[in-house]
Amino acid sequence: YCTMRPTGAAGIWSPRSHYAYDYWGQ
């Protein structure tokens, strides 16, 4: 799965956590 975090997203930035990302591919 590809994923993206936009600038200014809520939550702590932790690159290894899937909770850090807002958008996901199929």
mmCIF file of all heavy atoms, coordinates in Angstrom:
data_MODEL
# 
_entry.id   MODEL 
# 
loop_
_atom_site.group_PDB 
_atom_site.id 
_atom_site.type_symbol 
_atom_site.label_atom_id 
_atom_site.label_alt_id 
_atom_site.label_comp_id 
_atom_site.label_asym_id 
_atom_site.label_entity_id 
_atom_site.label_seq_id 
_atom_site.pdbx_PDB_ins_code 
_atom_site.Cartn_x 
_atom_site.Cartn_y 
_atom_site.Cartn_z 
_atom_site.occupancy 
_atom_site.B_iso_or_equiv 
_atom_site.pdbx_formal_charge 
_atom_site.auth_seq_id 
_atom_site.auth_comp_id 
_atom_site.auth_asym_id 
_atom_site.auth_atom_id 
_atom_site.pdbx_PDB_model_num 
ATOM 1   N N   . TYR A 1 1  ? 0.833  -1.200 0.000  1.00 0.00 ? 1  TYR A N   1 
ATOM 2   C CA  . TYR A 1 1  ? 0.000  0.000  0.000  1.00 0.00 ? 1  TYR A CA  1 
ATOM 3   C C   . TYR A 1 1  ? 0.865  1.246  0.000  1.00 0.00 ? 1  TYR A C   1 
ATOM 4   O O   . TYR A 1 1  ? 1.817  1.365  0.787  1.00 0.00 ? 1  TYR A O   1 
ATOM 5   C CB  . TYR A 1 1  ? -0.891 0.027  1.244  1.00 0.00 ? 1  TYR A CB  1 
ATOM 6   C CG  . TYR A 1 1  ? -1.908 -1.086 1.310  1.00 0.00 ? 1  TYR A CG  1 
ATOM 7   C CD1 . TYR A 1 1  ? -1.610 -2.290 1.942  1.00 0.00 ? 1  TYR A CD1 1 
ATOM 8   C CD2 . TYR A 1 1  ? -3.168 -0.924 0.734  1.00 0.00 ? 1  TYR A CD2 1 
ATOM 9   C CE1 . TYR A 1 1  ? -2.545 -3.313 1.994  1.00 0.00 ? 1  TYR A CE1 1 
ATOM 10  C CE2 . TYR A 1 1  ? -4.109 -1.942 0.797  1.00 0.00 ? 1  TYR A CE2 1 
ATOM 11  C CZ  . TYR A 1 1  ? -3.778 -3.131 1.418  1.00 0.00 ? 1  TYR A CZ  1 
ATOM 12  O OH  . TYR A 1 1  ? -4.712 -4.142 1.478  1.00 0.00 ? 1  TYR A OH  1 
ATOM 13  N N   . CYS A 1 2  ? 0.492  2.180  -0.844 1.00 0.00 ? 2  CYS A N   1 
ATOM 14  C CA  . CYS A 1 2  ? 1.107  3.507  -0.864 1.00 0.00 ? 2  CYS A CA  1 
ATOM 15  C C   . CYS A 1 2  ? 0.318  4.407  0.081  1.00 0.00 ? 2  CYS A C   1 
ATOM 16  O O   . CYS A 1 2  ? -0.912 4.281  0.192  1.00 0.00 ? 2  CYS A O   1 
ATOM 17  C CB  . CYS A 1 2  ? 1.056  4.051  -2.284 1.00 0.00 ? 2  CYS A CB  1 
ATOM 18  S SG  . CYS A 1 2  ? 1.655  5.739  -2.466 1.00 0.00 ? 2  CYS A SG  1 
ATOM 19  N N   . THR A 1 3  ? 1.010  5.315  0.735  1.00 0.00 ? 3  THR A N   1 
ATOM 20  C CA  . THR A 1 3  ? 0.341  6.183  1.682  1.00 0.00 ? 3  THR A CA  1 
ATOM 21  C C   . THR A 1 3  ? 0.967  7.575  1.676  1.00 0.00 ? 3  THR A C   1 
ATOM 22  O O   . THR A 1 3  ? 2.109  7.751  1.253  1.00 0.00 ? 3  THR A O   1 
ATOM 23  C CB  . THR A 1 3  ? 0.407  5.563  3.085  1.00 0.00 ? 3  THR A CB  1 
ATOM 24  O OG1 . THR A 1 3  ? -0.403 6.317  3.985  1.00 0.00 ? 3  THR A OG1 1 
ATOM 25  C CG2 . THR A 1 3  ? 1.832  5.507  3.621  1.00 0.00 ? 3  THR A CG2 1 
ATOM 26  N N   . MET A 1 4  ? 0.195  8.556  2.148  1.00 0.00 ? 4  MET A N   1 
ATOM 27  C CA  . MET A 1 4  ? 0.651  9.931  2.128  1.00 0.00 ? 4  MET A CA  1 
ATOM 28  C C   . MET A 1 4  ? 0.200  10.688 3.372  1.00 0.00 ? 4  MET A C   1 
ATOM 29  O O   . MET A 1 4  ? -0.920 10.480 3.865  1.00 0.00 ? 4  MET A O   1 
ATOM 30  C CB  . MET A 1 4  ? 0.126  10.676 0.902  1.00 0.00 ? 4  MET A CB  1 
ATOM 31  C CG  . MET A 1 4  ? 0.772  12.028 0.695  1.00 0.00 ? 4  MET A CG  1 
ATOM 32  S SD  . MET A 1 4  ? -0.075 13.025 -0.532 1.00 0.00 ? 4  MET A SD  1 
ATOM 33  C CE  . MET A 1 4  ? -1.291 13.791 0.491  1.00 0.00 ? 4  MET A CE  1 
ATOM 34  N N   . ARG A 1 5  ? 1.085  11.539 3.870  1.00 0.00 ? 5  ARG A N   1 
ATOM 35  C CA  . ARG A 1 5  ? 0.747  12.440 4.966  1.00 0.00 ? 5  ARG A CA  1 
ATOM 36  C C   . ARG A 1 5  ? 0.874  13.864 4.431  1.00 0.00 ? 5  ARG A C   1 
ATOM 37  O O   . ARG A 1 5  ? 1.944  14.242 3.957  1.00 0.00 ? 5  ARG A O   1 
ATOM 38  C CB  . ARG A 1 5  ? 1.687  12.259 6.145  1.00 0.00 ? 5  ARG A CB  1 
ATOM 39  C CG  . ARG A 1 5  ? 1.431  13.239 7.306  1.00 0.00 ? 5  ARG A CG  1 
ATOM 40  C CD  . ARG A 1 5  ? 2.469  13.029 8.393  1.00 0.00 ? 5  ARG A CD  1 
ATOM 41  N NE  . ARG A 1 5  ? 2.360  13.995 9.476  1.00 0.00 ? 5  ARG A NE  1 
ATOM 42  C CZ  . ARG A 1 5  ? 1.715  13.782 10.612 1.00 0.00 ? 5  ARG A CZ  1 
ATOM 43  N NH1 . ARG A 1 5  ? 1.113  12.617 10.819 1.00 0.00 ? 5  ARG A NH1 1 
ATOM 44  N NH2 . ARG A 1 5  ? 1.661  14.710 11.543 1.00 0.00 ? 5  ARG A NH2 1 
ATOM 45  N N   . PRO A 1 6  ? -0.205 14.659 4.488  1.00 0.00 ? 6  PRO A N   1 
ATOM 46  C CA  . PRO A 1 6  ? -0.105 16.048 4.045  1.00 0.00 ? 6  PRO A CA  1 
ATOM 47  C C   . PRO A 1 6  ? 0.572  16.913 5.103  1.00 0.00 ? 6  PRO A C   1 
ATOM 48  O O   . PRO A 1 6  ? 0.587  16.574 6.291  1.00 0.00 ? 6  PRO A O   1 
ATOM 49  C CB  . PRO A 1 6  ? -1.558 16.462 3.842  1.00 0.00 ? 6  PRO A CB  1 
ATOM 50  C CG  . PRO A 1 6  ? -2.329 15.594 4.767  1.00 0.00 ? 6  PRO A CG  1 
ATOM 51  C CD  . PRO A 1 6  ? -1.579 14.305 4.857  1.00 0.00 ? 6  PRO A CD  1 
ATOM 52  N N   . THR A 1 7  ? 1.108  18.033 4.665  1.00 0.00 ? 7  THR A N   1 
ATOM 53  C CA  . THR A 1 7  ? 1.682  19.005 5.592  1.00 0.00 ? 7  THR A CA  1 
ATOM 54  C C   . THR A 1 7  ? 0.581  19.532 6.507  1.00 0.00 ? 7  THR A C   1 
ATOM 55  O O   . THR A 1 7  ? -0.516 19.831 6.056  1.00 0.00 ? 7  THR A O   1 
ATOM 56  C CB  . THR A 1 7  ? 2.317  20.158 4.810  1.00 0.00 ? 7  THR A CB  1 
ATOM 57  O OG1 . THR A 1 7  ? 3.334  19.626 3.953  1.00 0.00 ? 7  THR A OG1 1 
ATOM 58  C CG2 . THR A 1 7  ? 2.931  21.177 5.746  1.00 0.00 ? 7  THR A CG2 1 
ATOM 59  N N   . GLY A 1 8  ? 0.899  19.614 7.801  1.00 0.00 ? 8  GLY A N   1 
ATOM 60  C CA  . GLY A 1 8  ? -0.074 20.121 8.755  1.00 0.00 ? 8  GLY A CA  1 
ATOM 61  C C   . GLY A 1 8  ? -1.071 19.100 9.252  1.00 0.00 ? 8  GLY A C   1 
ATOM 62  O O   . GLY A 1 8  ? -2.026 19.442 9.951  1.00 0.00 ? 8  GLY A O   1 
ATOM 63  N N   . ALA A 1 9  ? -0.853 17.841 8.927  1.00 0.00 ? 9  ALA A N   1 
ATOM 64  C CA  . ALA A 1 9  ? -1.766 16.784 9.382  1.00 0.00 ? 9  ALA A CA  1 
ATOM 65  C C   . ALA A 1 9  ? -1.749 16.686 10.908 1.00 0.00 ? 9  ALA A C   1 
ATOM 66  O O   . ALA A 1 9  ? -0.729 16.944 11.546 1.00 0.00 ? 9  ALA A O   1 
ATOM 67  C CB  . ALA A 1 9  ? -1.366 15.441 8.774  1.00 0.00 ? 9  ALA A CB  1 
ATOM 68  N N   . ALA A 1 10 ? -2.879 16.292 11.477 1.00 0.00 ? 10 ALA A N   1 
ATOM 69  C CA  . ALA A 1 10 ? -2.973 16.136 12.925 1.00 0.00 ? 10 ALA A CA  1 
ATOM 70  C C   . ALA A 1 10 ? -2.212 14.902 13.369 1.00 0.00 ? 10 ALA A C   1 
ATOM 71  O O   . ALA A 1 10 ? -1.992 13.978 12.597 1.00 0.00 ? 10 ALA A O   1 
ATOM 72  C CB  . ALA A 1 10 ? -4.437 16.030 13.330 1.00 0.00 ? 10 ALA A CB  1 
ATOM 73  N N   . GLY A 1 11 ? -1.824 14.885 14.637 1.00 0.00 ? 11 GLY A N   1 
ATOM 74  C CA  . GLY A 1 11 ? -1.167 13.702 15.174 1.00 0.00 ? 11 GLY A CA  1 
ATOM 75  C C   . GLY A 1 11 ? 0.340  13.786 15.075 1.00 0.00 ? 11 GLY A C   1 
ATOM 76  O O   . GLY A 1 11 ? 0.907  14.568 14.304 1.00 0.00 ? 11 GLY A O   1 
ATOM 77  N N   . ILE A 1 12 ? 0.989  12.954 15.863 1.00 0.00 ? 12 ILE A N   1 
ATOM 78  C CA  . ILE A 1 12 ? 2.450  12.929 15.921 1.00 0.00 ? 12 ILE A CA  1 
ATOM 79  C C   . ILE A 1 12 ? 3.013  12.312 14.640 1.00 0.00 ? 12 ILE A C   1 
ATOM 80  O O   . ILE A 1 12 ? 2.480  11.330 14.127 1.00 0.00 ? 12 ILE A O   1 
ATOM 81  C CB  . ILE A 1 12 ? 2.903  12.128 17.154 1.00 0.00 ? 12 ILE A CB  1 
ATOM 82  C CG1 . ILE A 1 12 ? 2.443  12.826 18.439 1.00 0.00 ? 12 ILE A CG1 1 
ATOM 83  C CG2 . ILE A 1 12 ? 4.422  11.942 17.165 1.00 0.00 ? 12 ILE A CG2 1 
ATOM 84  C CD1 . ILE A 1 12 ? 2.670  12.016 19.692 1.00 0.00 ? 12 ILE A CD1 1 
ATOM 85  N N   . TRP A 1 13 ? 4.085  12.885 14.148 1.00 0.00 ? 13 TRP A N   1 
ATOM 86  C CA  . TRP A 1 13 ? 4.774  12.332 12.981 1.00 0.00 ? 13 TRP A CA  1 
ATOM 87  C C   . TRP A 1 13 ? 5.683  11.191 13.433 1.00 0.00 ? 13 TRP A C   1 
ATOM 88  O O   . TRP A 1 13 ? 6.647  11.380 14.153 1.00 0.00 ? 13 TRP A O   1 
ATOM 89  C CB  . TRP A 1 13 ? 5.579  13.399 12.276 1.00 0.00 ? 13 TRP A CB  1 
ATOM 90  C CG  . TRP A 1 13 ? 6.550  12.866 11.241 1.00 0.00 ? 13 TRP A CG  1 
ATOM 91  C CD1 . TRP A 1 13 ? 7.882  13.095 11.180 1.00 0.00 ? 13 TRP A CD1 1 
ATOM 92  C CD2 . TRP A 1 13 ? 6.242  12.006 10.140 1.00 0.00 ? 13 TRP A CD2 1 
ATOM 93  N NE1 . TRP A 1 13 ? 8.427  12.441 10.107 1.00 0.00 ? 13 TRP A NE1 1 
ATOM 94  C CE2 . TRP A 1 13 ? 7.448  11.756 9.451  1.00 0.00 ? 13 TRP A CE2 1 
ATOM 95  C CE3 . TRP A 1 13 ? 5.073  11.403 9.671  1.00 0.00 ? 13 TRP A CE3 1 
ATOM 96  C CZ2 . TRP A 1 13 ? 7.505  10.952 8.302  1.00 0.00 ? 13 TRP A CZ2 1 
ATOM 97  C CZ3 . TRP A 1 13 ? 5.138  10.603 8.539  1.00 0.00 ? 13 TRP A CZ3 1 
ATOM 98  C CH2 . TRP A 1 13 ? 6.336  10.385 7.876  1.00 0.00 ? 13 TRP A CH2 1 
ATOM 99  N N   . SER A 1 14 ? 5.318  10.011 13.000 1.00 0.00 ? 14 SER A N   1 
ATOM 100 C CA  . SER A 1 14 ? 6.108  8.816  13.269 1.00 0.00 ? 14 SER A CA  1 
ATOM 101 C C   . SER A 1 14 ? 6.082  8.006  11.989 1.00 0.00 ? 14 SER A C   1 
ATOM 102 O O   . SER A 1 14 ? 5.078  7.339  11.690 1.00 0.00 ? 14 SER A O   1 
ATOM 103 C CB  . SER A 1 14 ? 5.498  8.016  14.418 1.00 0.00 ? 14 SER A CB  1 
ATOM 104 O OG  . SER A 1 14 ? 6.225  6.816  14.615 1.00 0.00 ? 14 SER A OG  1 
ATOM 105 N N   . PRO A 1 15 ? 7.135  8.064  11.189 1.00 0.00 ? 15 PRO A N   1 
ATOM 106 C CA  . PRO A 1 15 ? 7.084  7.484  9.843  1.00 0.00 ? 15 PRO A CA  1 
ATOM 107 C C   . PRO A 1 15 ? 6.745  6.006  9.797  1.00 0.00 ? 15 PRO A C   1 
ATOM 108 O O   . PRO A 1 15 ? 6.220  5.532  8.790  1.00 0.00 ? 15 PRO A O   1 
ATOM 109 C CB  . PRO A 1 15 ? 8.479  7.752  9.282  1.00 0.00 ? 15 PRO A CB  1 
ATOM 110 C CG  . PRO A 1 15 ? 9.344  8.019  10.462 1.00 0.00 ? 15 PRO A CG  1 
ATOM 111 C CD  . PRO A 1 15 ? 8.453  8.626  11.483 1.00 0.00 ? 15 PRO A CD  1 
ATOM 112 N N   . ARG A 1 16 ? 7.021  5.265  10.882 1.00 0.00 ? 16 ARG A N   1 
ATOM 113 C CA  . ARG A 1 16 ? 6.787  3.832  10.882 1.00 0.00 ? 16 ARG A CA  1 
ATOM 114 C C   . ARG A 1 16 ? 5.397  3.444  11.370 1.00 0.00 ? 16 ARG A C   1 
ATOM 115 O O   . ARG A 1 16 ? 5.068  2.251  11.389 1.00 0.00 ? 16 ARG A O   1 
ATOM 116 C CB  . ARG A 1 16 ? 7.854  3.125  11.721 1.00 0.00 ? 16 ARG A CB  1 
ATOM 117 C CG  . ARG A 1 16 ? 9.255  3.247  11.127 1.00 0.00 ? 16 ARG A CG  1 
ATOM 118 C CD  . ARG A 1 16 ? 10.312 2.636  12.012 1.00 0.00 ? 16 ARG A CD  1 
ATOM 119 N NE  . ARG A 1 16 ? 11.620 2.619  11.359 1.00 0.00 ? 16 ARG A NE  1 
ATOM 120 C CZ  . ARG A 1 16 ? 12.447 3.644  11.332 1.00 0.00 ? 16 ARG A CZ  1 
ATOM 121 N NH1 . ARG A 1 16 ? 12.119 4.753  11.937 1.00 0.00 ? 16 ARG A NH1 1 
ATOM 122 N NH2 . ARG A 1 16 ? 13.613 3.555  10.705 1.00 0.00 ? 16 ARG A NH2 1 
ATOM 123 N N   . SER A 1 17 ? 4.586  4.414  11.730 1.00 0.00 ? 17 SER A N   1 
ATOM 124 C CA  . SER A 1 17 ? 3.241  4.141  12.218 1.00 0.00 ? 17 SER A CA  1 
ATOM 125 C C   . SER A 1 17 ? 2.199  4.448  11.150 1.00 0.00 ? 17 SER A C   1 
ATOM 126 O O   . SER A 1 17 ? 2.200  5.532  10.580 1.00 0.00 ? 17 SER A O   1 
ATOM 127 C CB  . SER A 1 17 ? 2.935  4.987  13.442 1.00 0.00 ? 17 SER A CB  1 
ATOM 128 O OG  . SER A 1 17 ? 1.565  4.897  13.785 1.00 0.00 ? 17 SER A OG  1 
ATOM 129 N N   . HIS A 1 18 ? 1.299  3.501  10.905 1.00 0.00 ? 18 HIS A N   1 
ATOM 130 C CA  . HIS A 1 18 ? 0.295  3.758  9.872  1.00 0.00 ? 18 HIS A CA  1 
ATOM 131 C C   . HIS A 1 18 ? -0.679 4.843  10.324 1.00 0.00 ? 18 HIS A C   1 
ATOM 132 O O   . HIS A 1 18 ? -1.363 5.436  9.485  1.00 0.00 ? 18 HIS A O   1 
ATOM 133 C CB  . HIS A 1 18 ? -0.445 2.480  9.491  1.00 0.00 ? 18 HIS A CB  1 
ATOM 134 C CG  . HIS A 1 18 ? -1.324 1.918  10.567 1.00 0.00 ? 18 HIS A CG  1 
ATOM 135 N ND1 . HIS A 1 18 ? -0.856 1.103  11.562 1.00 0.00 ? 18 HIS A ND1 1 
ATOM 136 C CD2 . HIS A 1 18 ? -2.652 2.067  10.808 1.00 0.00 ? 18 HIS A CD2 1 
ATOM 137 C CE1 . HIS A 1 18 ? -1.843 0.742  12.344 1.00 0.00 ? 18 HIS A CE1 1 
ATOM 138 N NE2 . HIS A 1 18 ? -2.942 1.319  11.916 1.00 0.00 ? 18 HIS A NE2 1 
ATOM 139 N N   . TYR A 1 19 ? -0.738 5.148  11.616 1.00 0.00 ? 19 TYR A N   1 
ATOM 140 C CA  . TYR A 1 19 ? -1.614 6.220  12.087 1.00 0.00 ? 19 TYR A CA  1 
ATOM 141 C C   . TYR A 1 19 ? -1.124 7.603  11.649 1.00 0.00 ? 19 TYR A C   1 
ATOM 142 O O   . TYR A 1 19 ? -1.886 8.573  11.708 1.00 0.00 ? 19 TYR A O   1 
ATOM 143 C CB  . TYR A 1 19 ? -1.715 6.192  13.610 1.00 0.00 ? 19 TYR A CB  1 
ATOM 144 C CG  . TYR A 1 19 ? -2.389 4.961  14.160 1.00 0.00 ? 19 TYR A CG  1 
ATOM 145 C CD1 . TYR A 1 19 ? -1.666 3.978  14.834 1.00 0.00 ? 19 TYR A CD1 1 
ATOM 146 C CD2 . TYR A 1 19 ? -3.768 4.774  13.993 1.00 0.00 ? 19 TYR A CD2 1 
ATOM 147 C CE1 . TYR A 1 19 ? -2.290 2.847  15.334 1.00 0.00 ? 19 TYR A CE1 1 
ATOM 148 C CE2 . TYR A 1 19 ? -4.384 3.652  14.489 1.00 0.00 ? 19 TYR A CE2 1 
ATOM 149 C CZ  . TYR A 1 19 ? -3.644 2.691  15.159 1.00 0.00 ? 19 TYR A CZ  1 
ATOM 150 O OH  . TYR A 1 19 ? -4.257 1.573  15.647 1.00 0.00 ? 19 TYR A OH  1 
ATOM 151 N N   . ALA A 1 20 ? 0.122  7.697  11.215 1.00 0.00 ? 20 ALA A N   1 
ATOM 152 C CA  . ALA A 1 20 ? 0.693  8.991  10.832 1.00 0.00 ? 20 ALA A CA  1 
ATOM 153 C C   . ALA A 1 20 ? 0.257  9.441  9.452  1.00 0.00 ? 20 ALA A C   1 
ATOM 154 O O   . ALA A 1 20 ? 0.540  10.568 9.053  1.00 0.00 ? 20 ALA A O   1 
ATOM 155 C CB  . ALA A 1 20 ? 2.208  8.916  10.884 1.00 0.00 ? 20 ALA A CB  1 
ATOM 156 N N   . TYR A 1 21 ? -0.414 8.583  8.707  1.00 0.00 ? 21 TYR A N   1 
ATOM 157 C CA  . TYR A 1 21 ? -0.754 8.858  7.315  1.00 0.00 ? 21 TYR A CA  1 
ATOM 158 C C   . TYR A 1 21 ? -2.255 9.009  7.132  1.00 0.00 ? 21 TYR A C   1 
ATOM 159 O O   . TYR A 1 21 ? -3.039 8.312  7.774  1.00 0.00 ? 21 TYR A O   1 
ATOM 160 C CB  . TYR A 1 21 ? -0.218 7.748  6.421  1.00 0.00 ? 21 TYR A CB  1 
ATOM 161 C CG  . TYR A 1 21 ? 1.291  7.595  6.525  1.00 0.00 ? 21 TYR A CG  1 
ATOM 162 C CD1 . TYR A 1 21 ? 1.848  6.738  7.467  1.00 0.00 ? 21 TYR A CD1 1 
ATOM 163 C CD2 . TYR A 1 21 ? 2.139  8.315  5.692  1.00 0.00 ? 21 TYR A CD2 1 
ATOM 164 C CE1 . TYR A 1 21 ? 3.219  6.600  7.580  1.00 0.00 ? 21 TYR A CE1 1 
ATOM 165 C CE2 . TYR A 1 21 ? 3.506  8.182  5.789  1.00 0.00 ? 21 TYR A CE2 1 
ATOM 166 C CZ  . TYR A 1 21 ? 4.048  7.330  6.736  1.00 0.00 ? 21 TYR A CZ  1 
ATOM 167 O OH  . TYR A 1 21 ? 5.406  7.206  6.842  1.00 0.00 ? 21 TYR A OH  1 
ATOM 168 N N   . ASP A 1 22 ? -2.639 9.898  6.227  1.00 0.00 ? 22 ASP A N   1 
ATOM 169 C CA  . ASP A 1 22 ? -4.054 10.194 6.023  1.00 0.00 ? 22 ASP A CA  1 
ATOM 170 C C   . ASP A 1 22 ? -4.655 9.546  4.785  1.00 0.00 ? 22 ASP A C   1 
ATOM 171 O O   . ASP A 1 22 ? -5.863 9.312  4.741  1.00 0.00 ? 22 ASP A O   1 
ATOM 172 C CB  . ASP A 1 22 ? -4.254 11.712 5.902  1.00 0.00 ? 22 ASP A CB  1 
ATOM 173 C CG  . ASP A 1 22 ? -4.074 12.417 7.236  1.00 0.00 ? 22 ASP A CG  1 
ATOM 174 O OD1 . ASP A 1 22 ? -3.867 11.745 8.243  1.00 0.00 ? 22 ASP A OD1 1 
ATOM 175 O OD2 . ASP A 1 22 ? -4.139 13.663 7.257  1.00 0.00 ? 22 ASP A OD2 1 
ATOM 176 N N   . TYR A 1 23 ? -3.842 9.294  3.771  1.00 0.00 ? 23 TYR A N   1 
ATOM 177 C CA  . TYR A 1 23 ? -4.375 8.796  2.507  1.00 0.00 ? 23 TYR A CA  1 
ATOM 178 C C   . TYR A 1 23 ? -3.685 7.501  2.130  1.00 0.00 ? 23 TYR A C   1 
ATOM 179 O O   . TYR A 1 23 ? -2.476 7.341  2.319  1.00 0.00 ? 23 TYR A O   1 
ATOM 180 C CB  . TYR A 1 23 ? -4.194 9.838  1.398  1.00 0.00 ? 23 TYR A CB  1 
ATOM 181 C CG  . TYR A 1 23 ? -4.919 11.124 1.678  1.00 0.00 ? 23 TYR A CG  1 
ATOM 182 C CD1 . TYR A 1 23 ? -4.250 12.222 2.203  1.00 0.00 ? 23 TYR A CD1 1 
ATOM 183 C CD2 . TYR A 1 23 ? -6.296 11.237 1.439  1.00 0.00 ? 23 TYR A CD2 1 
ATOM 184 C CE1 . TYR A 1 23 ? -4.921 13.401 2.490  1.00 0.00 ? 23 TYR A CE1 1 
ATOM 185 C CE2 . TYR A 1 23 ? -6.973 12.416 1.717  1.00 0.00 ? 23 TYR A CE2 1 
ATOM 186 C CZ  . TYR A 1 23 ? -6.276 13.481 2.241  1.00 0.00 ? 23 TYR A CZ  1 
ATOM 187 O OH  . TYR A 1 23 ? -6.948 14.647 2.526  1.00 0.00 ? 23 TYR A OH  1 
ATOM 188 N N   . TRP A 1 24 ? -4.490 6.597  1.544  1.00 0.00 ? 24 TRP A N   1 
ATOM 189 C CA  . TRP A 1 24 ? -3.999 5.265  1.199  1.00 0.00 ? 24 TRP A CA  1 
ATOM 190 C C   . TRP A 1 24 ? -4.441 4.877  -0.202 1.00 0.00 ? 24 TRP A C   1 
ATOM 191 O O   . TRP A 1 24 ? -5.553 5.204  -0.626 1.00 0.00 ? 24 TRP A O   1 
ATOM 192 C CB  . TRP A 1 24 ? -4.537 4.230  2.191  1.00 0.00 ? 24 TRP A CB  1 
ATOM 193 C CG  . TRP A 1 24 ? -4.004 4.421  3.567  1.00 0.00 ? 24 TRP A CG  1 
ATOM 194 C CD1 . TRP A 1 24 ? -4.491 5.251  4.532  1.00 0.00 ? 24 TRP A CD1 1 
ATOM 195 C CD2 . TRP A 1 24 ? -2.855 3.790  4.131  1.00 0.00 ? 24 TRP A CD2 1 
ATOM 196 N NE1 . TRP A 1 24 ? -3.716 5.178  5.669  1.00 0.00 ? 24 TRP A NE1 1 
ATOM 197 C CE2 . TRP A 1 24 ? -2.711 4.283  5.450  1.00 0.00 ? 24 TRP A CE2 1 
ATOM 198 C CE3 . TRP A 1 24 ? -1.938 2.851  3.661  1.00 0.00 ? 24 TRP A CE3 1 
ATOM 199 C CZ2 . TRP A 1 24 ? -1.672 3.868  6.288  1.00 0.00 ? 24 TRP A CZ2 1 
ATOM 200 C CZ3 . TRP A 1 24 ? -0.914 2.444  4.497  1.00 0.00 ? 24 TRP A CZ3 1 
ATOM 201 C CH2 . TRP A 1 24 ? -0.790 2.948  5.801  1.00 0.00 ? 24 TRP A CH2 1 
ATOM 202 N N   . GLY A 1 25 ? -3.575 4.159  -0.896 1.00 0.00 ? 25 GLY A N   1 
ATOM 203 C CA  . GLY A 1 25 ? -3.963 3.586  -2.167 1.00 0.00 ? 25 GLY A CA  1 
ATOM 204 C C   . GLY A 1 25 ? -4.738 2.288  -1.964 1.00 0.00 ? 25 GLY A C   1 
ATOM 205 O O   . GLY A 1 25 ? -4.924 1.839  -0.828 1.00 0.00 ? 25 GLY A O   1 
ATOM 206 N N   . GLN A 1 26 ? -5.174 1.699  -3.075 1.00 0.00 ? 26 GLN A N   1 
ATOM 207 C CA  . GLN A 1 26 ? -5.962 0.477  -3.014 1.00 0.00 ? 26 GLN A CA  1 
ATOM 208 C C   . GLN A 1 26 ? -5.112 -0.757 -2.742 1.00 0.00 ? 26 GLN A C   1 
ATOM 209 O O   . GLN A 1 26 ? -5.633 -1.793 -2.331 1.00 0.00 ? 26 GLN A O   1 
ATOM 210 C CB  . GLN A 1 26 ? -6.706 0.277  -4.346 1.00 0.00 ? 26 GLN A CB  1 
ATOM 211 C CG  . GLN A 1 26 ? -7.809 1.297  -4.565 1.00 0.00 ? 26 GLN A CG  1 
ATOM 212 C CD  . GLN A 1 26 ? -8.900 1.192  -3.519 1.00 0.00 ? 26 GLN A CD  1 
ATOM 213 O OE1 . GLN A 1 26 ? -9.443 0.128  -3.272 1.00 0.00 ? 26 GLN A OE1 1 
ATOM 214 N NE2 . GLN A 1 26 ? -9.213 2.315  -2.874 1.00 0.00 ? 26 GLN A NE2 1 
# 
